[in-house]
Amino acid sequence: MKTFVPPADKSITIRALLLAAVAEGCTRVENPLRCADTEAAIRCLEALGARICPDGNALIVEGRGLGGLKKPDGPLDAGESGALARLLAGLMAAQPFPSEITGRGTLLKRPMDALAGSLGKLGARIKTSGGFLPLRIKPAKLKGARITGLTSAQLKSAVLLAGLYASGPVEIKEKSPTRDHTERLLALMGARITKNGLIIRLEPGRLTARPLTVPGDISSAAPFIAAALLSGTGLRINACGLNPGRLGFVDALVKMGAKIELKPASAFPEPSGDITILPSGLKGRTVKPAEIPSMIDEVPLLAVISARAGGTTTISGIEGLRSKESDRIESTLALLAALGVRSSWSGGALKIYGARRFIPKSAAETFNDHRIAMAAAAASAACRGLEIKNPGCVDKSYPGFWRDFKKVFT
């Protein structure tokens, strides 16, 4: 059986760096991911006065405490990272100096009104540019508040970071569970945070530096899971994050008949362990909106796998994919069409009509979207010779992806 170790988790790396920068003391972040998005986070934090130094396979972050950040000399550039832009806004909302957050590429087209509205309930003074970046943030004294109906982990995390500075407790009621990396890291660093069902409560207060290790990224492992199932290859993925809020893709595949075994090895602050995938016969199914938040990054992969499953698969509740690095509904439809797969979008649902094999009609366009490129890669494991345009866009989240992919699937 082949084995694979995924790169470190991007979501956790970004959150760890931001929290470490406002903690008291030095945080050692073991096994951080170094990619375009995390490098943007480092540059932003250094512009705010944080000192971040490499030490072998770790980063040492000298925390400035909640009140120790300095006014940057210019706009903070989040690159193309939506997570960084939104979480950084939460951090900047409480600072005693004005700031501006901008970005590049498709990030400039991603909506920011919901972010400004959510933080505004705490008293933040944030002005968008017609609903988009750049964000201009003025100093404000934040207050405690109760916020309901959040469906995005990024918005939730932005509110929690701002809540560290509020004059009273912040309570969040989620519409459905989302990934909880921020809550876990806050608890690790001594924040007074509790969770009861869908309700999260944070008392304002300082953070204390604690060493942490970033597990492997389940989203980076996902194309390997998909490729293993599509090609009938047995595969074991080691040292991978197993956060329940990120396992929706695996759960959906198991419901389709995939033989996947999880073997947890550690639990705090983040669960991690091994994943074993065995050759499996898959059947189409209906994927409900409640399942989407825990696999939002893997929907294109699920669509590609569904194309080889028996029967029809229907995926709904994915309208938010229109505001990613590409319009992922349209780009997923285009990828399926390039593979000779019949699919449709109607009534808020993506339908994929299963086929026995891929019959490529054209080169696979990635639309400069790393998740679409990874979905095309997974398809190529069962469609040798598939041409993939602009494959280098995967560097946004996974430098070295093609090297690792070829090692496992050639």
Protein backbone atom coordinates (compact mmCIF):
# COMPACT_ATOMS: atom_id res chain seq x y z
CA MET A 1 0.00 0.00 0.00
CA LYS A 2 1.28 3.46 -0.88
CA THR A 3 1.72 6.11 1.82
CA PHE A 4 1.57 9.90 1.85
CA VAL A 5 2.13 12.66 4.42
CA PRO A 6 0.23 15.88 3.61
CA PRO A 7 1.71 19.33 4.12
CA ALA A 8 0.77 21.31 7.21
CA ASP A 9 -2.69 22.80 7.57
CA LYS A 10 -3.00 26.28 6.04
CA SER A 11 -6.04 27.33 8.09
CA ILE A 12 -4.37 26.42 11.38
CA THR A 13 -1.04 28.00 10.41
CA ILE A 14 -2.65 31.37 9.64
CA ARG A 15 -4.68 31.34 12.85
CA ALA A 16 -1.69 30.27 14.95
CA LEU A 17 0.45 33.12 13.60
CA LEU A 18 -2.23 35.76 14.23
CA LEU A 19 -2.97 34.62 17.77
CA ALA A 20 0.71 34.18 18.63
CA ALA A 21 1.38 37.76 17.54
CA VAL A 22 -1.00 39.13 20.19
CA ALA A 23 -0.12 36.60 22.91
CA GLU A 24 2.29 37.32 25.75
CA GLY A 25 5.59 35.47 25.32
CA CYS A 26 7.18 33.48 22.50
CA THR A 27 5.14 30.87 20.65
CA ARG A 28 6.93 28.03 18.89
CA VAL A 29 4.83 26.91 15.93
CA GLU A 30 6.08 23.51 14.81
CA ASN A 31 5.45 22.27 11.25
CA PRO A 32 3.86 25.46 9.85
CA LEU A 33 2.85 25.57 6.22
CA ARG A 34 4.96 27.90 4.08
CA CYS A 35 2.94 28.93 1.03
CA ALA A 36 1.73 32.14 -0.62
CA ASP A 37 -1.14 32.63 1.85
CA THR A 38 0.92 32.04 5.00
CA GLU A 39 3.78 34.18 3.72
CA ALA A 40 1.25 36.99 3.29
CA ALA A 41 0.25 36.50 6.93
CA ILE A 42 3.87 36.76 8.05
CA ARG A 43 4.40 39.97 6.07
CA CYS A 44 1.26 41.55 7.53
CA LEU A 45 2.22 40.67 11.10
CA GLU A 46 5.77 41.93 10.63
CA ALA A 47 4.32 45.20 9.32
CA LEU A 48 2.41 45.39 12.62
CA GLY A 49 5.61 44.98 14.64
CA ALA A 50 5.62 41.26 15.31
CA ARG A 51 8.91 39.41 15.03
CA ILE A 52 8.75 35.99 13.36
CA CYS A 53 11.91 33.91 13.00
CA PRO A 54 12.46 30.47 11.43
CA ASP A 55 14.05 27.79 13.61
CA GLY A 56 14.46 24.53 11.70
CA ASN A 57 11.00 23.28 10.82
CA ALA A 58 9.37 25.80 13.16
CA LEU A 59 8.55 29.48 13.40
CA ILE A 60 9.18 31.44 16.59
CA VAL A 61 6.68 34.26 17.08
CA GLU A 62 7.54 36.92 19.65
CA GLY A 63 4.14 37.97 20.92
CA ARG A 64 3.35 41.65 21.43
CA GLY A 65 0.35 41.13 23.69
CA LEU A 66 -3.10 42.51 22.96
CA GLY A 67 -1.92 46.12 23.15
CA GLY A 68 1.49 45.82 21.54
CA LEU A 69 0.87 46.04 17.81
CA LYS A 70 2.06 49.17 16.00
CA LYS A 71 0.56 51.22 13.21
CA PRO A 72 1.76 49.83 9.85
CA ASP A 73 3.45 52.15 7.36
CA GLY A 74 0.91 51.30 4.65
CA PRO A 75 -1.95 48.99 3.72
CA LEU A 76 -1.82 45.40 4.94
CA ASP A 77 -1.74 43.14 1.87
CA ALA A 78 -3.53 39.81 2.42
CA GLY A 79 -2.47 38.53 -0.99
CA GLU A 80 -5.21 36.22 -2.25
CA SER A 81 -6.15 34.82 1.16
CA GLY A 82 -9.76 35.42 2.16
CA ALA A 83 -9.13 33.85 5.57
CA LEU A 84 -6.24 36.20 6.29
CA ALA A 85 -8.15 39.31 5.15
CA ARG A 86 -11.18 38.51 7.31
CA LEU A 87 -9.30 37.40 10.44
CA LEU A 88 -6.96 40.35 10.17
CA ALA A 89 -9.98 42.67 10.05
CA GLY A 90 -11.13 41.25 13.38
CA LEU A 91 -7.71 41.95 14.88
CA MET A 92 -7.46 45.46 13.42
CA ALA A 93 -10.97 46.48 14.45
CA ALA A 94 -9.85 47.03 18.06
CA GLN A 95 -6.50 48.71 17.50
CA PRO A 96 -5.96 52.34 18.59
CA PHE A 97 -4.74 53.30 15.12
CA PRO A 98 -6.36 53.33 11.68
CA SER A 99 -5.50 50.62 9.18
CA GLU A 100 -6.30 49.45 5.69
CA ILE A 101 -6.52 45.86 4.43
CA THR A 102 -6.21 45.09 0.75
CA GLY A 103 -5.42 42.09 -1.40
CA ARG A 104 -4.70 40.88 -4.89
CA GLY A 105 -6.30 39.01 -7.76
CA THR A 106 -9.67 37.43 -7.15
CA LEU A 107 -9.65 38.40 -3.45
CA LEU A 108 -10.52 41.92 -4.57
CA LYS A 109 -13.79 40.51 -5.95
CA ARG A 110 -14.82 38.57 -2.86
CA PRO A 111 -17.64 40.13 -0.78
CA MET A 112 -16.79 41.78 2.54
CA ASP A 113 -20.13 43.32 3.58
CA ALA A 114 -21.02 40.42 5.90
CA LEU A 115 -17.65 40.79 7.62
CA ALA A 116 -18.09 44.53 8.17
CA GLY A 117 -21.65 43.95 9.39
CA SER A 118 -20.70 41.24 11.88
CA LEU A 119 -17.82 43.24 13.35
CA GLY A 120 -20.00 46.35 13.35
CA LYS A 121 -22.24 44.68 15.93
CA LEU A 122 -19.27 44.89 18.33
CA GLY A 123 -18.83 48.57 17.52
CA ALA A 124 -16.15 48.25 14.84
CA ARG A 125 -15.86 51.09 12.34
CA ILE A 126 -15.11 49.39 9.02
CA LYS A 127 -15.76 50.82 5.59
CA THR A 128 -15.67 48.56 2.56
CA SER A 129 -15.02 49.65 -1.02
CA GLY A 130 -18.45 49.04 -2.48
CA GLY A 131 -18.73 45.80 -0.52
CA PHE A 132 -15.21 44.63 -1.36
CA LEU A 133 -11.58 45.25 -0.42
CA PRO A 134 -9.83 47.49 0.43
CA LEU A 135 -11.22 47.76 3.97
CA ARG A 136 -10.59 50.99 5.85
CA ILE A 137 -10.75 50.56 9.60
CA LYS A 138 -10.92 53.36 12.15
CA PRO A 139 -10.13 53.00 15.86
CA ALA A 140 -13.12 51.97 17.96
CA LYS A 141 -13.86 50.76 21.47
CA LEU A 142 -15.49 47.38 21.07
CA LYS A 143 -18.34 46.10 23.22
CA GLY A 144 -19.72 42.71 24.03
CA ALA A 145 -22.52 41.45 21.85
CA ARG A 146 -24.58 38.43 20.84
CA ILE A 147 -24.31 37.52 17.19
CA THR A 148 -26.51 34.90 15.57
CA GLY A 149 -26.75 33.08 12.28
CA LEU A 150 -23.06 32.96 11.29
CA THR A 151 -22.41 30.31 8.64
CA SER A 152 -18.74 31.01 7.95
CA ALA A 153 -15.78 29.95 10.08
CA GLN A 154 -13.87 32.98 8.80
CA LEU A 155 -16.53 35.42 10.00
CA LYS A 156 -16.78 33.59 13.31
CA SER A 157 -13.02 33.75 13.77
CA ALA A 158 -12.91 37.46 12.93
CA VAL A 159 -15.55 38.14 15.60
CA LEU A 160 -13.63 36.04 18.16
CA LEU A 161 -10.36 37.87 17.51
CA ALA A 162 -12.13 41.21 17.91
CA GLY A 163 -13.86 39.85 21.01
CA LEU A 164 -10.54 39.53 22.82
CA TYR A 165 -10.57 43.34 23.02
CA ALA A 166 -14.26 43.90 23.81
CA SER A 167 -15.52 45.49 27.02
CA GLY A 168 -17.78 42.52 27.70
CA PRO A 169 -18.37 38.93 26.63
CA VAL A 170 -19.06 38.04 23.01
CA GLU A 171 -21.55 35.27 22.32
CA ILE A 172 -21.90 33.66 18.90
CA LYS A 173 -24.73 31.36 17.87
CA GLU A 174 -23.85 29.48 14.69
CA LYS A 175 -26.47 28.47 12.18
CA SER A 176 -24.66 25.14 11.77
CA PRO A 177 -21.30 23.83 13.03
CA THR A 178 -18.21 25.17 11.23
CA ARG A 179 -14.54 24.38 11.65
CA ASP A 180 -13.37 25.32 15.16
CA HIS A 181 -9.61 25.81 14.74
CA THR A 182 -9.76 29.31 16.23
CA GLU A 183 -11.66 28.17 19.32
CA ARG A 184 -9.18 25.35 19.93
CA LEU A 185 -6.16 27.66 19.64
CA LEU A 186 -7.78 30.27 21.86
CA ALA A 187 -8.37 27.62 24.53
CA LEU A 188 -4.75 26.44 24.21
CA MET A 189 -3.53 30.00 24.84
CA GLY A 190 -5.66 30.47 27.93
CA ALA A 191 -8.65 32.38 26.57
CA ARG A 192 -11.85 32.12 28.58
CA ILE A 193 -13.92 30.45 25.89
CA THR A 194 -16.72 27.92 26.23
CA LYS A 195 -18.96 26.10 23.79
CA ASN A 196 -22.44 24.71 24.36
CA GLY A 197 -23.89 23.19 21.21
CA LEU A 198 -23.97 25.93 18.59
CA ILE A 199 -23.31 28.69 21.14
CA ILE A 200 -19.76 29.98 21.69
CA ARG A 201 -18.97 32.43 24.49
CA LEU A 202 -15.72 34.37 24.81
CA GLU A 203 -14.73 36.56 27.74
CA PRO A 204 -12.24 39.29 26.78
CA GLY A 205 -8.73 38.84 28.10
CA ARG A 206 -5.09 38.20 27.38
CA LEU A 207 -3.47 35.22 25.70
CA THR A 208 -0.37 33.35 26.85
CA ALA A 209 2.12 31.84 24.41
CA ARG A 210 2.06 28.05 24.17
CA PRO A 211 4.00 25.73 21.84
CA LEU A 212 1.90 24.02 19.22
CA THR A 213 2.29 21.66 16.29
CA VAL A 214 0.33 22.12 13.08
CA PRO A 215 -1.08 18.79 11.78
CA GLY A 216 -1.35 17.81 8.13
CA ASP A 217 -3.99 19.57 6.05
CA ILE A 218 -7.07 17.46 5.32
CA SER A 219 -7.87 19.75 2.37
CA SER A 220 -4.45 19.03 0.87
CA ALA A 221 -4.94 15.31 1.53
CA ALA A 222 -8.40 15.34 -0.09
CA PRO A 223 -7.20 15.20 -3.74
CA PHE A 224 -5.09 12.17 -2.83
CA ILE A 225 -8.14 10.51 -1.24
CA ALA A 226 -10.14 11.25 -4.38
CA ALA A 227 -7.40 10.05 -6.72
CA ALA A 228 -7.02 6.81 -4.74
CA LEU A 229 -10.74 6.07 -5.06
CA LEU A 230 -10.86 7.03 -8.74
CA SER A 231 -7.84 4.89 -9.64
CA GLY A 232 -8.58 1.97 -7.31
CA THR A 233 -5.31 2.49 -5.42
CA GLY A 234 -4.88 1.55 -1.76
CA LEU A 235 -3.44 4.52 0.14
CA ARG A 236 -2.54 5.39 3.73
CA ILE A 237 -2.27 9.07 4.67
CA ASN A 238 -0.25 9.69 7.84
CA ALA A 239 -0.22 12.53 10.39
CA CYS A 240 -3.31 14.25 8.97
CA GLY A 241 -5.65 16.61 10.79
CA LEU A 242 -8.93 14.94 11.77
CA ASN A 243 -10.87 17.92 13.06
CA PRO A 244 -14.57 16.93 13.02
CA GLY A 245 -15.43 20.23 11.36
CA ARG A 246 -13.24 19.31 8.38
CA LEU A 247 -14.30 15.67 7.82
CA GLY A 248 -17.43 16.30 5.78
CA PHE A 249 -15.73 15.13 2.58
CA VAL A 250 -14.72 11.83 4.15
CA ASP A 251 -18.18 11.38 5.69
CA ALA A 252 -19.85 12.02 2.32
CA LEU A 253 -17.61 9.49 0.60
CA VAL A 254 -18.30 6.84 3.25
CA LYS A 255 -22.03 7.37 2.68
CA MET A 256 -21.39 6.74 -1.02
CA GLY A 257 -19.76 3.40 -0.16
CA ALA A 258 -16.07 4.36 0.16
CA LYS A 259 -13.96 2.13 2.38
CA ILE A 260 -12.12 4.68 4.50
CA GLU A 261 -10.71 4.07 7.98
CA LEU A 262 -9.65 6.81 10.41
CA LYS A 263 -7.09 6.04 13.12
CA PRO A 264 -6.75 8.97 15.57
CA ALA A 265 -3.36 9.44 17.23
CA SER A 266 -3.69 12.72 19.17
CA ALA A 267 -6.55 14.95 20.27
CA PHE A 268 -5.39 18.35 21.64
CA PRO A 269 -5.40 21.04 20.55
CA GLU A 270 -6.19 19.49 17.17
CA PRO A 271 -7.12 15.84 16.54
CA SER A 272 -4.87 14.11 14.03
CA GLY A 273 -4.00 10.62 12.88
CA ASP A 274 -3.97 8.31 9.87
CA ILE A 275 -6.46 7.74 7.05
CA THR A 276 -6.57 4.50 5.06
CA ILE A 277 -8.38 4.33 1.72
CA LEU A 278 -9.20 1.02 0.01
CA PRO A 279 -10.60 0.40 -3.50
CA SER A 280 -14.36 0.88 -3.36
CA GLY A 281 -17.49 0.87 -5.46
CA LEU A 282 -19.41 4.13 -5.09
CA LYS A 283 -23.07 5.06 -5.49
CA GLY A 284 -24.55 8.51 -6.13
CA ARG A 285 -26.51 10.23 -3.38
CA THR A 286 -28.11 13.50 -2.33
CA VAL A 287 -25.76 15.79 -0.38
CA LYS A 288 -27.74 18.15 1.84
CA PRO A 289 -26.89 21.79 2.66
CA ALA A 290 -26.13 20.94 6.30
CA GLU A 291 -23.22 18.76 5.13
CA ILE A 292 -21.50 21.52 3.14
CA PRO A 293 -19.78 23.68 5.82
CA SER A 294 -17.49 20.82 6.85
CA MET A 295 -16.34 20.17 3.27
CA ILE A 296 -16.71 23.52 1.54
CA ASP A 297 -13.22 23.33 -0.02
CA GLU A 298 -13.77 19.78 -1.30
CA VAL A 299 -16.99 20.22 -3.29
CA PRO A 300 -15.18 20.21 -6.69
CA LEU A 301 -13.47 16.95 -5.68
CA LEU A 302 -16.76 15.43 -4.58
CA ALA A 303 -18.26 16.37 -7.94
CA VAL A 304 -15.42 14.67 -9.82
CA ILE A 305 -15.77 11.50 -7.74
CA SER A 306 -19.55 11.56 -8.21
CA ALA A 307 -18.94 11.44 -11.95
CA ARG A 308 -17.59 7.91 -11.52
CA ALA A 309 -20.24 6.76 -9.03
CA GLY A 310 -23.30 4.79 -10.04
CA GLY A 311 -26.43 6.88 -10.50
CA THR A 312 -26.97 10.59 -9.95
CA THR A 313 -25.48 12.76 -7.22
CA THR A 314 -27.15 16.02 -6.20
CA ILE A 315 -25.24 18.63 -4.19
CA SER A 316 -27.09 21.67 -2.81
CA GLY A 317 -26.31 24.49 -0.40
CA ILE A 318 -23.17 25.53 -2.29
CA GLU A 319 -24.11 29.01 -3.53
CA GLY A 320 -21.21 30.43 -1.50
CA LEU A 321 -18.79 28.77 -3.92
CA ARG A 322 -19.45 31.54 -6.42
CA SER A 323 -17.24 33.88 -4.35
CA LYS A 324 -14.06 31.83 -4.07
CA GLU A 325 -10.86 32.08 -6.12
CA SER A 326 -13.16 31.36 -9.06
CA ASP A 327 -16.89 30.90 -9.42
CA ARG A 328 -16.48 27.28 -8.32
CA ILE A 329 -19.92 26.25 -9.48
CA GLU A 330 -19.18 27.35 -13.04
CA SER A 331 -15.58 26.13 -12.95
CA THR A 332 -16.67 22.72 -11.61
CA LEU A 333 -19.25 22.43 -14.39
CA ALA A 334 -16.52 23.31 -16.90
CA LEU A 335 -14.16 20.69 -15.46
CA LEU A 336 -16.84 18.00 -15.64
CA ALA A 337 -17.62 18.98 -19.23
CA ALA A 338 -13.92 18.71 -20.12
CA LEU A 339 -13.98 15.17 -18.70
CA GLY A 340 -16.99 14.25 -20.82
CA VAL A 341 -19.30 14.10 -17.81
CA ARG A 342 -22.90 15.27 -17.96
CA SER A 343 -23.82 17.71 -15.19
CA SER A 344 -26.17 20.63 -14.57
CA TRP A 345 -26.93 23.50 -12.21
CA SER A 346 -30.60 24.17 -11.61
CA GLY A 347 -32.77 25.22 -8.70
CA GLY A 348 -29.77 25.77 -6.44
CA ALA A 349 -28.45 22.25 -6.91
CA LEU A 350 -25.51 20.73 -8.79
CA LYS A 351 -26.39 17.42 -10.43
CA ILE A 352 -23.75 14.99 -11.67
CA TYR A 353 -24.80 12.03 -13.76
CA GLY A 354 -22.46 9.14 -13.04
CA ALA A 355 -20.51 7.52 -15.88
CA ARG A 356 -18.34 4.43 -16.12
CA ARG A 357 -15.25 6.35 -17.26
CA PHE A 358 -13.96 9.77 -18.22
CA ILE A 359 -13.88 10.62 -21.91
CA PRO A 360 -11.95 13.92 -22.10
CA LYS A 361 -13.35 16.46 -24.55
CA SER A 362 -10.80 19.22 -23.98
CA ALA A 363 -8.01 20.39 -21.71
CA ALA A 364 -9.05 21.04 -18.10
CA GLU A 365 -9.15 24.76 -17.34
CA THR A 366 -8.20 25.64 -13.73
CA PHE A 367 -9.42 29.27 -13.77
CA ASN A 368 -6.35 30.09 -11.62
CA ASP A 369 -8.09 28.28 -8.73
CA HIS A 370 -6.00 25.87 -6.67
CA ARG A 371 -8.99 23.74 -5.65
CA ILE A 372 -10.09 23.26 -9.27
CA ALA A 373 -6.52 22.34 -10.24
CA MET A 374 -6.43 19.72 -7.48
CA ALA A 375 -9.78 18.32 -8.61
CA ALA A 376 -8.40 18.06 -12.15
CA ALA A 377 -5.33 16.29 -10.77
CA ALA A 378 -7.51 13.74 -8.99
CA ALA A 379 -9.39 13.11 -12.23
CA SER A 380 -6.11 12.60 -14.08
CA ALA A 381 -5.40 9.55 -11.91
CA ALA A 382 -8.25 7.84 -13.79
CA CYS A 383 -7.79 9.75 -17.05
CA ARG A 384 -4.17 9.44 -18.13
CA GLY A 385 -2.93 12.14 -20.45
CA LEU A 386 -5.45 14.75 -19.32
CA GLU A 387 -4.05 18.20 -20.08
CA ILE A 388 -4.41 20.66 -17.20
CA LYS A 389 -4.00 24.38 -17.90
CA ASN A 390 -2.09 26.61 -15.46
CA PRO A 391 -1.33 23.79 -13.01
CA GLY A 392 1.03 26.05 -11.04
CA CYS A 393 -1.89 27.84 -9.34
CA VAL A 394 -1.77 25.10 -6.67
CA ASP A 395 1.21 26.93 -5.15
CA LYS A 396 -1.27 29.23 -3.40
CA SER A 397 -1.90 26.54 -0.79
CA TYR A 398 0.39 23.60 -1.64
CA PRO A 399 3.83 24.23 -3.12
CA GLY A 400 5.20 20.87 -4.27
CA PHE A 401 1.76 19.41 -4.95
CA TRP A 402 2.62 18.03 -8.38
CA ARG A 403 5.87 16.49 -7.15
CA ASP A 404 4.03 14.67 -4.35
CA PHE A 405 1.11 13.70 -6.57
CA LYS A 406 3.37 12.13 -9.20
CA LYS A 407 5.22 10.16 -6.51
CA VAL A 408 1.98 8.52 -5.37
CA PHE A 409 0.11 8.13 -8.67
CA THR A 410 2.73 7.17 -11.26
